[in-house]
């Protein structure tokens, strides 16, 4: 009996594309994930933030401009259920604002 392995004996599994990557349902996703498909999540894209005191907030009126902590062209933060998951760029899709993901943020755990 030989200890040498013949790598040709093993098939390489094909990578499956997710519906997010293909833009639709491929029907080939792991059956175990179907249980979570209908769970609602809150997705938010944050252009920037600003801390201010109540008296500053009360002075704001129509047409007031609030400076944010981001510069033009900087990535926006994408949150899912209040957890940062990605960064992206603002795009226009059919006269609506959207966000295209440019970077996935790894968990801080």
PDB file of N, CA and C in Angstrom:
ATOM      1  N   UNK A   1       0.839  -1.178   0.000  1.00  0.00           N
ATOM      2  CA  UNK A   1       0.000   0.000   0.000  1.00  0.00           C
ATOM      3  C   UNK A   1       0.886   1.243   0.000  1.00  0.00           C
ATOM      4  N   UNK A   2       0.605   2.191  -0.877  1.00  0.00           N
ATOM      5  CA  UNK A   2       1.424   3.383  -1.031  1.00  0.00           C
ATOM      6  C   UNK A   2       0.814   4.538  -0.249  1.00  0.00           C
ATOM      7  N   UNK A   3       1.675   5.377   0.341  1.00  0.00           N
ATOM      8  CA  UNK A   3       1.205   6.558   1.063  1.00  0.00           C
ATOM      9  C   UNK A   3       1.003   7.749   0.143  1.00  0.00           C
ATOM     10  N   UNK A   4       1.407   7.622  -1.120  1.00  0.00           N
ATOM     11  CA  UNK A   4       1.264   8.721  -2.068  1.00  0.00           C
ATOM     12  C   UNK A   4      -0.195   8.865  -2.489  1.00  0.00           C
ATOM     13  N   UNK A   5      -0.668  10.105  -2.536  1.00  0.00           N
ATOM     14  CA  UNK A   5      -2.031  10.372  -2.959  1.00  0.00           C
ATOM     15  C   UNK A   5      -2.024  10.776  -4.424  1.00  0.00           C
ATOM     16  N   UNK A   6      -2.975  10.276  -5.162  1.00  0.00           N
ATOM     17  CA  UNK A   6      -3.163  10.702  -6.546  1.00  0.00           C
ATOM     18  C   UNK A   6      -4.257  11.756  -6.535  1.00  0.00           C
ATOM     19  N   UNK A   7      -3.877  13.025  -6.716  1.00  0.00           N
ATOM     20  CA  UNK A   7      -4.844  14.125  -6.631  1.00  0.00           C
ATOM     21  C   UNK A   7      -5.883  14.072  -7.726  1.00  0.00           C
ATOM     22  N   UNK A   8      -5.642  13.322  -8.784  1.00  0.00           N
ATOM     23  CA  UNK A   8      -6.621  13.198  -9.858  1.00  0.00           C
ATOM     24  C   UNK A   8      -7.829  12.382  -9.432  1.00  0.00           C
ATOM     25  N   UNK A   9      -7.713  11.664  -8.305  1.00  0.00           N
ATOM     26  CA  UNK A   9      -8.829  10.858  -7.821  1.00  0.00           C
ATOM     27  C   UNK A   9      -9.953  11.723  -7.252  1.00  0.00           C
ATOM     28  N   UNK A  10      -9.613  12.957  -6.875  1.00  0.00           N
ATOM     29  CA  UNK A  10     -10.585  13.817  -6.216  1.00  0.00           C
ATOM     30  C   UNK A  10     -11.099  14.861  -7.184  1.00  0.00           C
ATOM     31  N   UNK A  11     -12.420  15.065  -7.160  1.00  0.00           N
ATOM     32  CA  UNK A  11     -13.006  16.108  -7.989  1.00  0.00           C
ATOM     33  C   UNK A  11     -12.957  17.427  -7.243  1.00  0.00           C
ATOM     34  N   UNK A  12     -12.685  18.483  -7.954  1.00  0.00           N
ATOM     35  CA  UNK A  12     -12.720  19.808  -7.370  1.00  0.00           C
ATOM     36  C   UNK A  12     -14.148  20.303  -7.441  1.00  0.00           C
ATOM     37  N   UNK A  13     -14.741  20.666  -6.275  1.00  0.00           N
ATOM     38  CA  UNK A  13     -16.115  21.159  -6.328  1.00  0.00           C
ATOM     39  C   UNK A  13     -16.184  22.482  -7.063  1.00  0.00           C
ATOM     40  N   UNK A  14     -17.250  22.649  -7.837  1.00  0.00           N
ATOM     41  CA  UNK A  14     -17.457  23.894  -8.574  1.00  0.00           C
ATOM     42  C   UNK A  14     -18.005  24.939  -7.623  1.00  0.00           C
ATOM     43  N   UNK A  15     -17.487  26.172  -7.750  1.00  0.00           N
ATOM     44  CA  UNK A  15     -17.997  27.258  -6.922  1.00  0.00           C
ATOM     45  C   UNK A  15     -19.336  27.698  -7.474  1.00  0.00           C
ATOM     46  N   UNK A  16     -20.282  27.911  -6.556  1.00  0.00           N
ATOM     47  CA  UNK A  16     -21.600  28.365  -6.965  1.00  0.00           C
ATOM     48  C   UNK A  16     -21.669  29.864  -6.814  1.00  0.00           C
ATOM     49  N   UNK A  17     -22.330  30.533  -7.748  1.00  0.00           N
ATOM     50  CA  UNK A  17     -22.508  31.965  -7.661  1.00  0.00           C
ATOM     51  C   UNK A  17     -23.715  32.255  -6.796  1.00  0.00           C
ATOM     52  N   UNK A  18     -23.601  33.290  -5.968  1.00  0.00           N
ATOM     53  CA  UNK A  18     -24.739  33.660  -5.143  1.00  0.00           C
ATOM     54  C   UNK A  18     -25.669  34.551  -5.952  1.00  0.00           C
ATOM     55  N   UNK A  19     -26.942  34.652  -5.558  1.00  0.00           N
ATOM     56  CA  UNK A  19     -27.867  35.536  -6.265  1.00  0.00           C
ATOM     57  C   UNK A  19     -27.404  36.986  -6.211  1.00  0.00           C
ATOM     58  N   UNK A  20     -26.673  37.388  -5.148  1.00  0.00           N
ATOM     59  CA  UNK A  20     -26.189  38.754  -5.059  1.00  0.00           C
ATOM     60  C   UNK A  20     -25.150  39.026  -6.133  1.00  0.00           C
ATOM     61  N   UNK A  21     -24.311  38.040  -6.452  1.00  0.00           N
ATOM     62  CA  UNK A  21     -23.276  38.230  -7.454  1.00  0.00           C
ATOM     63  C   UNK A  21     -23.840  38.213  -8.865  1.00  0.00           C
ATOM     64  N   UNK A  22     -24.899  37.462  -9.093  1.00  0.00           N
ATOM     65  CA  UNK A  22     -25.437  37.308 -10.436  1.00  0.00           C
ATOM     66  C   UNK A  22     -26.627  38.223 -10.707  1.00  0.00           C
ATOM     67  N   UNK A  23     -27.156  38.823  -9.638  1.00  0.00           N
ATOM     68  CA  UNK A  23     -28.289  39.713  -9.820  1.00  0.00           C
ATOM     69  C   UNK A  23     -29.619  38.983  -9.853  1.00  0.00           C
ATOM     70  N   UNK A  24     -29.639  37.716  -9.504  1.00  0.00           N
ATOM     71  CA  UNK A  24     -30.894  36.972  -9.488  1.00  0.00           C
ATOM     72  C   UNK A  24     -30.729  35.646  -8.802  1.00  0.00           C
ATOM     73  N   UNK A  25     -31.810  34.897  -8.739  1.00  0.00           N
ATOM     74  CA  UNK A  25     -31.804  33.612  -8.060  1.00  0.00           C
ATOM     75  C   UNK A  25     -31.274  32.546  -9.009  1.00  0.00           C
ATOM     76  N   UNK A  26     -30.205  31.858  -8.613  1.00  0.00           N
ATOM     77  CA  UNK A  26     -29.630  30.841  -9.483  1.00  0.00           C
ATOM     78  C   UNK A  26     -30.284  29.482  -9.272  1.00  0.00           C
ATOM     79  N   UNK A  27     -30.954  29.300  -8.132  1.00  0.00           N
ATOM     80  CA  UNK A  27     -31.573  28.011  -7.851  1.00  0.00           C
ATOM     81  C   UNK A  27     -30.563  26.961  -7.420  1.00  0.00           C
ATOM     82  N   UNK A  28     -29.288  27.312  -7.299  1.00  0.00           N
ATOM     83  CA  UNK A  28     -28.266  26.341  -6.922  1.00  0.00           C
ATOM     84  C   UNK A  28     -27.650  26.636  -5.564  1.00  0.00           C
ATOM     85  N   UNK A  29     -28.244  27.531  -4.792  1.00  0.00           N
ATOM     86  CA  UNK A  29     -27.705  27.902  -3.493  1.00  0.00           C
ATOM     87  C   UNK A  29     -27.977  26.776  -2.499  1.00  0.00           C
ATOM     88  N   UNK A  30     -27.079  26.636  -1.537  1.00  0.00           N
ATOM     89  CA  UNK A  30     -27.197  25.620  -0.497  1.00  0.00           C
ATOM     90  C   UNK A  30     -28.606  25.615   0.088  1.00  0.00           C
ATOM     91  N   UNK A  31     -29.216  24.467   0.093  1.00  0.00           N
ATOM     92  CA  UNK A  31     -30.592  24.334   0.570  1.00  0.00           C
ATOM     93  C   UNK A  31     -30.738  24.756   2.030  1.00  0.00           C
ATOM     94  N   UNK A  32     -29.683  24.668   2.828  1.00  0.00           N
ATOM     95  CA  UNK A  32     -29.755  25.034   4.233  1.00  0.00           C
ATOM     96  C   UNK A  32     -29.994  26.514   4.464  1.00  0.00           C
ATOM     97  N   UNK A  33     -29.687  27.352   3.494  1.00  0.00           N
ATOM     98  CA  UNK A  33     -29.871  28.796   3.648  1.00  0.00           C
ATOM     99  C   UNK A  33     -31.299  29.244   3.382  1.00  0.00           C
ATOM    100  N   UNK A  34     -32.099  28.408   2.763  1.00  0.00           N
ATOM    101  CA  UNK A  34     -33.470  28.806   2.423  1.00  0.00           C
ATOM    102  C   UNK A  34     -34.272  29.206   3.650  1.00  0.00           C
ATOM    103  N   UNK A  35     -33.936  28.690   4.819  1.00  0.00           N
ATOM    104  CA  UNK A  35     -34.675  29.004   6.029  1.00  0.00           C
ATOM    105  C   UNK A  35     -34.541  30.473   6.429  1.00  0.00           C
ATOM    106  N   UNK A  36     -33.492  31.144   5.990  1.00  0.00           N
ATOM    107  CA  UNK A  36     -33.286  32.534   6.388  1.00  0.00           C
ATOM    108  C   UNK A  36     -33.623  33.529   5.287  1.00  0.00           C
ATOM    109  N   UNK A  37     -34.004  33.079   4.120  1.00  0.00           N
ATOM    110  CA  UNK A  37     -34.266  33.977   2.999  1.00  0.00           C
ATOM    111  C   UNK A  37     -35.357  35.003   3.278  1.00  0.00           C
ATOM    112  N   UNK A  38     -36.363  34.659   4.057  1.00  0.00           N
ATOM    113  CA  UNK A  38     -37.496  35.552   4.279  1.00  0.00           C
ATOM    114  C   UNK A  38     -37.374  36.397   5.539  1.00  0.00           C
ATOM    115  N   UNK A  39     -36.228  36.354   6.220  1.00  0.00           N
ATOM    116  CA  UNK A  39     -36.036  37.172   7.418  1.00  0.00           C
ATOM    117  C   UNK A  39     -35.728  38.601   6.983  1.00  0.00           C
ATOM    118  N   UNK A  40     -36.544  39.559   7.447  1.00  0.00           N
ATOM    119  CA  UNK A  40     -36.302  40.948   7.046  1.00  0.00           C
ATOM    120  C   UNK A  40     -35.080  41.520   7.764  1.00  0.00           C
ATOM    121  N   UNK A  41     -34.322  42.338   7.056  1.00  0.00           N
ATOM    122  CA  UNK A  41     -33.190  43.050   7.638  1.00  0.00           C
ATOM    123  C   UNK A  41     -33.289  44.516   7.242  1.00  0.00           C
ATOM    124  N   UNK A  42     -32.703  45.387   8.054  1.00  0.00           N
ATOM    125  CA  UNK A  42     -32.692  46.817   7.762  1.00  0.00           C
ATOM    126  C   UNK A  42     -31.335  47.165   7.164  1.00  0.00           C
ATOM    127  N   UNK A  43     -31.335  47.690   5.941  1.00  0.00           N
ATOM    128  CA  UNK A  43     -30.101  48.084   5.274  1.00  0.00           C
ATOM    129  C   UNK A  43     -30.071  49.611   5.210  1.00  0.00           C
ATOM    130  N   UNK A  44     -28.950  50.197   5.674  1.00  0.00           N
ATOM    131  CA  UNK A  44     -28.789  51.650   5.677  1.00  0.00           C
ATOM    132  C   UNK A  44     -27.473  52.021   5.018  1.00  0.00           C
ATOM    133  N   UNK A  45     -27.489  53.096   4.249  1.00  0.00           N
ATOM    134  CA  UNK A  45     -26.268  53.652   3.671  1.00  0.00           C
ATOM    135  C   UNK A  45     -26.072  55.026   4.293  1.00  0.00           C
ATOM    136  N   UNK A  46     -24.964  55.211   4.987  1.00  0.00           N
ATOM    137  CA  UNK A  46     -24.712  56.446   5.727  1.00  0.00           C
ATOM    138  C   UNK A  46     -23.700  57.291   4.960  1.00  0.00           C
ATOM    139  N   UNK A  47     -24.150  58.455   4.517  1.00  0.00           N
ATOM    140  CA  UNK A  47     -23.285  59.374   3.781  1.00  0.00           C
ATOM    141  C   UNK A  47     -22.259  60.027   4.697  1.00  0.00           C
ATOM    142  N   UNK A  48     -22.632  60.237   5.939  1.00  0.00           N
ATOM    143  CA  UNK A  48     -21.760  60.869   6.920  1.00  0.00           C
ATOM    144  C   UNK A  48     -22.543  61.172   8.173  1.00  0.00           C
ATOM    145  N   UNK A  49     -21.847  61.645   9.191  1.00  0.00           N
ATOM    146  CA  UNK A  49     -22.505  61.951  10.459  1.00  0.00           C
ATOM    147  C   UNK A  49     -22.030  63.311  10.964  1.00  0.00           C
ATOM    148  N   UNK A  50     -22.743  63.808  11.951  1.00  0.00           N
ATOM    149  CA  UNK A  50     -22.389  65.080  12.592  1.00  0.00           C
ATOM    150  C   UNK A  50     -22.994  65.086  13.974  1.00  0.00           C
ATOM    151  N   UNK A  51     -22.199  65.389  14.970  1.00  0.00           N
ATOM    152  CA  UNK A  51     -22.724  65.569  16.332  1.00  0.00           C
ATOM    153  C   UNK A  51     -22.982  67.045  16.535  1.00  0.00           C
ATOM    154  N   UNK A  52     -24.117  67.351  17.151  1.00  0.00           N
ATOM    155  CA  UNK A  52     -24.431  68.746  17.449  1.00  0.00           C
ATOM    156  C   UNK A  52     -25.268  68.812  18.708  1.00  0.00           C
ATOM    157  N   UNK A  53     -25.256  69.968  19.312  1.00  0.00           N
ATOM    158  CA  UNK A  53     -26.034  70.168  20.523  1.00  0.00           C
ATOM    159  C   UNK A  53     -27.468  70.539  20.154  1.00  0.00           C
ATOM    160  N   UNK A  54     -28.374  70.338  21.087  1.00  0.00           N
ATOM    161  CA  UNK A  54     -29.795  70.598  20.861  1.00  0.00           C
ATOM    162  C   UNK A  54     -30.020  72.041  20.396  1.00  0.00           C
ATOM    163  N   UNK A  55     -29.356  72.999  21.022  1.00  0.00           N
ATOM    164  CA  UNK A  55     -29.597  74.400  20.632  1.00  0.00           C
ATOM    165  C   UNK A  55     -29.170  74.650  19.186  1.00  0.00           C
ATOM    166  N   UNK A  56     -28.126  73.934  18.696  1.00  0.00           N
ATOM    167  CA  UNK A  56     -27.727  74.058  17.292  1.00  0.00           C
ATOM    168  C   UNK A  56     -28.788  73.449  16.376  1.00  0.00           C
ATOM    169  N   UNK A  57     -29.308  72.307  16.783  1.00  0.00           N
ATOM    170  CA  UNK A  57     -30.349  71.627  16.007  1.00  0.00           C
ATOM    171  C   UNK A  57     -31.602  72.487  15.898  1.00  0.00           C
ATOM    172  N   UNK A  58     -31.981  73.144  17.000  1.00  0.00           N
ATOM    173  CA  UNK A  58     -33.188  73.972  17.002  1.00  0.00           C
ATOM    174  C   UNK A  58     -33.043  75.222  16.138  1.00  0.00           C
ATOM    175  N   UNK A  59     -31.824  75.662  15.884  1.00  0.00           N
ATOM    176  CA  UNK A  59     -31.590  76.841  15.042  1.00  0.00           C
ATOM    177  C   UNK A  59     -31.690  76.527  13.553  1.00  0.00           C
ATOM    178  N   UNK A  60     -31.683  75.239  13.189  1.00  0.00           N
ATOM    179  CA  UNK A  60     -31.745  74.865  11.777  1.00  0.00           C
ATOM    180  C   UNK A  60     -33.120  75.193  11.203  1.00  0.00           C
ATOM    181  N   UNK A  61     -33.119  75.675  10.021  1.00  0.00           N
ATOM    182  CA  UNK A  61     -34.373  75.981   9.329  1.00  0.00           C
ATOM    183  C   UNK A  61     -34.314  75.455   7.913  1.00  0.00           C
ATOM    184  N   UNK A  62     -35.368  75.731   7.167  1.00  0.00           N
ATOM    185  CA  UNK A  62     -35.426  75.295   5.774  1.00  0.00           C
ATOM    186  C   UNK A  62     -34.223  75.832   5.011  1.00  0.00           C
ATOM    187  N   UNK A  63     -33.559  74.951   4.275  1.00  0.00           N
ATOM    188  CA  UNK A  63     -32.408  75.343   3.481  1.00  0.00           C
ATOM    189  C   UNK A  63     -31.090  75.327   4.235  1.00  0.00           C
ATOM    190  N   UNK A  64     -31.122  74.996   5.517  1.00  0.00           N
ATOM    191  CA  UNK A  64     -29.881  74.951   6.292  1.00  0.00           C
ATOM    192  C   UNK A  64     -28.996  73.813   5.776  1.00  0.00           C
ATOM    193  N   UNK A  65     -27.710  74.026   5.831  1.00  0.00           N
ATOM    194  CA  UNK A  65     -26.748  73.017   5.407  1.00  0.00           C
ATOM    195  C   UNK A  65     -26.020  72.496   6.641  1.00  0.00           C
ATOM    196  N   UNK A  66     -25.975  71.180   6.770  1.00  0.00           N
ATOM    197  CA  UNK A  66     -25.274  70.543   7.886  1.00  0.00           C
ATOM    198  C   UNK A  66     -24.033  69.865   7.324  1.00  0.00           C
ATOM    199  N   UNK A  67     -22.855  70.307   7.773  1.00  0.00           N
ATOM    200  CA  UNK A  67     -21.606  69.706   7.336  1.00  0.00           C
ATOM    201  C   UNK A  67     -21.473  68.314   7.942  1.00  0.00           C
ATOM    202  N   UNK A  68     -21.096  67.349   7.105  1.00  0.00           N
ATOM    203  CA  UNK A  68     -20.895  65.983   7.570  1.00  0.00           C
ATOM    204  C   UNK A  68     -19.408  65.692   7.691  1.00  0.00           C
ATOM    205  N   UNK A  69     -19.078  64.550   8.291  1.00  0.00           N
ATOM    206  CA  UNK A  69     -17.676  64.195   8.532  1.00  0.00           C
ATOM    207  C   UNK A  69     -17.021  63.493   7.343  1.00  0.00           C
ATOM    208  N   UNK A  70     -17.607  63.569   6.165  1.00  0.00           N
ATOM    209  CA  UNK A  70     -17.049  62.936   4.967  1.00  0.00           C
ATOM    210  C   UNK A  70     -16.761  63.972   3.907  1.00  0.00           C
ATOM    211  N   UNK A  71     -15.821  63.654   3.049  1.00  0.00           N
ATOM    212  CA  UNK A  71     -15.499  64.521   1.922  1.00  0.00           C
ATOM    213  C   UNK A  71     -16.183  63.971   0.669  1.00  0.00           C
ATOM    214  N   UNK A  72     -16.329  64.798  -0.328  1.00  0.00           N
ATOM    215  CA  UNK A  72     -16.904  64.383  -1.604  1.00  0.00           C
ATOM    216  C   UNK A  72     -16.051  63.247  -2.170  1.00  0.00           C
ATOM    217  N   UNK A  73     -16.694  62.188  -2.609  1.00  0.00           N
ATOM    218  CA  UNK A  73     -15.979  61.062  -3.200  1.00  0.00           C
ATOM    219  C   UNK A  73     -15.586  59.978  -2.212  1.00  0.00           C
ATOM    220  N   UNK A  74     -15.693  60.234  -0.911  1.00  0.00           N
ATOM    221  CA  UNK A  74     -15.372  59.199   0.077  1.00  0.00           C
ATOM    222  C   UNK A  74     -16.471  58.137   0.079  1.00  0.00           C
ATOM    223  N   UNK A  75     -16.095  56.928   0.431  1.00  0.00           N
ATOM    224  CA  UNK A  75     -17.045  55.817   0.471  1.00  0.00           C
ATOM    225  C   UNK A  75     -18.104  56.042   1.551  1.00  0.00           C
ATOM    226  N   UNK A  76     -19.304  55.564   1.280  1.00  0.00           N
ATOM    227  CA  UNK A  76     -20.370  55.592   2.278  1.00  0.00           C
ATOM    228  C   UNK A  76     -20.357  54.271   3.028  1.00  0.00           C
ATOM    229  N   UNK A  77     -20.800  54.298   4.283  1.00  0.00           N
ATOM    230  CA  UNK A  77     -20.871  53.083   5.097  1.00  0.00           C
ATOM    231  C   UNK A  77     -22.200  52.390   4.853  1.00  0.00           C
ATOM    232  N   UNK A  78     -22.164  51.059   4.704  1.00  0.00           N
ATOM    233  CA  UNK A  78     -23.377  50.267   4.501  1.00  0.00           C
ATOM    234  C   UNK A  78     -23.559  49.402   5.740  1.00  0.00           C
ATOM    235  N   UNK A  79     -24.704  49.591   6.404  1.00  0.00           N
ATOM    236  CA  UNK A  79     -25.023  48.867   7.617  1.00  0.00           C
ATOM    237  C   UNK A  79     -26.160  47.892   7.353  1.00  0.00           C
ATOM    238  N   UNK A  80     -26.096  46.718   7.960  1.00  0.00           N
ATOM    239  CA  UNK A  80     -27.205  45.767   7.969  1.00  0.00           C
ATOM    240  C   UNK A  80     -27.545  45.530   9.433  1.00  0.00           C
ATOM    241  N   UNK A  81     -28.788  45.846   9.796  1.00  0.00           N
ATOM    242  CA  UNK A  81     -29.227  45.765  11.191  1.00  0.00           C
ATOM    243  C   UNK A  81     -28.247  46.483  12.115  1.00  0.00           C
ATOM    244  N   UNK A  82     -27.882  47.696  11.764  1.00  0.00           N
ATOM    245  CA  UNK A  82     -27.006  48.566  12.554  1.00  0.00           C
ATOM    246  C   UNK A  82     -25.586  48.031  12.729  1.00  0.00           C
ATOM    247  N   UNK A  83     -25.167  47.110  11.883  1.00  0.00           N
ATOM    248  CA  UNK A  83     -23.798  46.580  11.918  1.00  0.00           C
ATOM    249  C   UNK A  83     -23.117  46.915  10.599  1.00  0.00           C
ATOM    250  N   UNK A  84     -21.940  47.534  10.681  1.00  0.00           N
ATOM    251  CA  UNK A  84     -21.190  47.900   9.485  1.00  0.00           C
ATOM    252  C   UNK A  84     -20.740  46.637   8.763  1.00  0.00           C
ATOM    253  N   UNK A  85     -21.144  46.482   7.500  1.00  0.00           N
ATOM    254  CA  UNK A  85     -20.785  45.287   6.742  1.00  0.00           C
ATOM    255  C   UNK A  85     -20.008  45.601   5.467  1.00  0.00           C
ATOM    256  N   UNK A  86     -20.125  46.850   4.967  1.00  0.00           N
ATOM    257  CA  UNK A  86     -19.464  47.165   3.698  1.00  0.00           C
ATOM    258  C   UNK A  86     -19.333  48.667   3.537  1.00  0.00           C
ATOM    259  N   UNK A  87     -18.585  49.041   2.516  1.00  0.00           N
ATOM    260  CA  UNK A  87     -18.486  50.437   2.101  1.00  0.00           C
ATOM    261  C   UNK A  87     -18.773  50.488   0.607  1.00  0.00           C
ATOM    262  N   UNK A  88     -19.234  51.624   0.136  1.00  0.00           N
ATOM    263  CA  UNK A  88     -19.579  51.694  -1.273  1.00  0.00           C
ATOM    264  C   UNK A  88     -19.651  53.110  -1.793  1.00  0.00           C
ATOM    265  N   UNK A  89     -20.133  53.218  -3.025  1.00  0.00           N
ATOM    266  CA  UNK A  89     -20.268  54.502  -3.713  1.00  0.00           C
ATOM    267  C   UNK A  89     -21.725  54.740  -4.062  1.00  0.00           C
ATOM    268  N   UNK A  90     -22.118  55.998  -4.001  1.00  0.00           N
ATOM    269  CA  UNK A  90     -23.484  56.370  -4.360  1.00  0.00           C
ATOM    270  C   UNK A  90     -23.612  56.336  -5.878  1.00  0.00           C
ATOM    271  N   UNK A  91     -24.704  55.734  -6.362  1.00  0.00           N
ATOM    272  CA  UNK A  91     -24.987  55.666  -7.796  1.00  0.00           C
ATOM    273  C   UNK A  91     -26.439  56.069  -8.026  1.00  0.00           C
ATOM    274  N   UNK A  92     -26.760  56.365  -9.269  1.00  0.00           N
ATOM    275  CA  UNK A  92     -28.143  56.670  -9.635  1.00  0.00           C
ATOM    276  C   UNK A  92     -28.649  55.530 -10.505  1.00  0.00           C
ATOM    277  N   UNK A  93     -29.791  54.953 -10.108  1.00  0.00           N
ATOM    278  CA  UNK A  93     -30.399  53.847 -10.837  1.00  0.00           C
ATOM    279  C   UNK A  93     -31.853  54.216 -11.114  1.00  0.00           C
ATOM    280  N   UNK A  94     -32.189  54.378 -12.381  1.00  0.00           N
ATOM    281  CA  UNK A  94     -33.560  54.746 -12.764  1.00  0.00           C
ATOM    282  C   UNK A  94     -34.069  55.948 -11.970  1.00  0.00           C
ATOM    283  N   UNK A  95     -33.276  57.000 -11.903  1.00  0.00           N
ATOM    284  CA  UNK A  95     -33.603  58.244 -11.211  1.00  0.00           C
ATOM    285  C   UNK A  95     -33.781  58.079  -9.708  1.00  0.00           C
ATOM    286  N   UNK A  96     -33.256  56.992  -9.135  1.00  0.00           N
ATOM    287  CA  UNK A  96     -33.260  56.789  -7.690  1.00  0.00           C
ATOM    288  C   UNK A  96     -31.815  56.637  -7.231  1.00  0.00           C
ATOM    289  N   UNK A  97     -31.560  57.004  -5.987  1.00  0.00           N
ATOM    290  CA  UNK A  97     -30.225  56.813  -5.427  1.00  0.00           C
ATOM    291  C   UNK A  97     -30.032  55.362  -5.032  1.00  0.00           C
ATOM    292  N   UNK A  98     -28.828  54.873  -5.228  1.00  0.00           N
ATOM    293  CA  UNK A  98     -28.471  53.523  -4.818  1.00  0.00           C
ATOM    294  C   UNK A  98     -27.037  53.523  -4.342  1.00  0.00           C
ATOM    295  N   UNK A  99     -26.576  52.376  -3.892  1.00  0.00           N
ATOM    296  CA  UNK A  99     -25.203  52.230  -3.431  1.00  0.00           C
ATOM    297  C   UNK A  99     -24.627  50.971  -4.041  1.00  0.00           C
ATOM    298  N   UNK A 100     -23.440  51.076  -4.602  1.00  0.00           N
ATOM    299  CA  UNK A 100     -22.742  49.901  -5.092  1.00  0.00           C
ATOM    300  C   UNK A 100     -21.620  49.577  -4.106  1.00  0.00           C
ATOM    301  N   UNK A 101     -21.545  48.328  -3.689  1.00  0.00           N
ATOM    302  CA  UNK A 101     -20.543  47.931  -2.700  1.00  0.00           C
ATOM    303  C   UNK A 101     -19.173  47.844  -3.353  1.00  0.00           C
ATOM    304  N   UNK A 102     -18.186  48.457  -2.718  1.00  0.00           N
ATOM    305  CA  UNK A 102     -16.815  48.422  -3.221  1.00  0.00           C
ATOM    306  C   UNK A 102     -15.876  47.680  -2.281  1.00  0.00           C
ATOM    307  N   UNK A 103     -16.314  47.493  -1.024  1.00  0.00           N
ATOM    308  CA  UNK A 103     -15.450  46.858  -0.028  1.00  0.00           C
ATOM    309  C   UNK A 103     -16.322  46.179   1.027  1.00  0.00           C
ATOM    310  N   UNK A 104     -15.987  44.928   1.351  1.00  0.00           N
ATOM    311  CA  UNK A 104     -16.658  44.222   2.438  1.00  0.00           C
ATOM    312  C   UNK A 104     -15.821  44.447   3.704  1.00  0.00           C
ATOM    313  N   UNK A 105     -16.480  44.817   4.790  1.00  0.00           N
ATOM    314  CA  UNK A 105     -15.788  45.073   6.051  1.00  0.00           C
ATOM    315  C   UNK A 105     -15.801  43.807   6.885  1.00  0.00           C
ATOM    316  N   UNK A 106     -14.626  43.357   7.296  1.00  0.00           N
ATOM    317  CA  UNK A 106     -14.538  42.143   8.112  1.00  0.00           C
ATOM    318  C   UNK A 106     -15.013  42.429   9.511  1.00  0.00           C
ATOM    319  N   UNK A 107     -15.602  41.410  10.145  1.00  0.00           N
ATOM    320  CA  UNK A 107     -16.127  41.525  11.496  1.00  0.00           C
ATOM    321  C   UNK A 107     -15.017  41.883  12.478  1.00  0.00           C
ATOM    322  N   UNK A 108     -15.346  42.675  13.472  1.00  0.00           N
ATOM    323  CA  UNK A 108     -14.373  43.123  14.476  1.00  0.00           C
ATOM    324  C   UNK A 108     -14.253  42.159  15.639  1.00  0.00           C
ATOM    325  N   UNK A 109     -14.917  40.996  15.585  1.00  0.00           N
ATOM    326  CA  UNK A 109     -14.906  40.050  16.704  1.00  0.00           C
ATOM    327  C   UNK A 109     -13.577  39.384  16.857  1.00  0.00           C
TER     328      UNK A 109
END
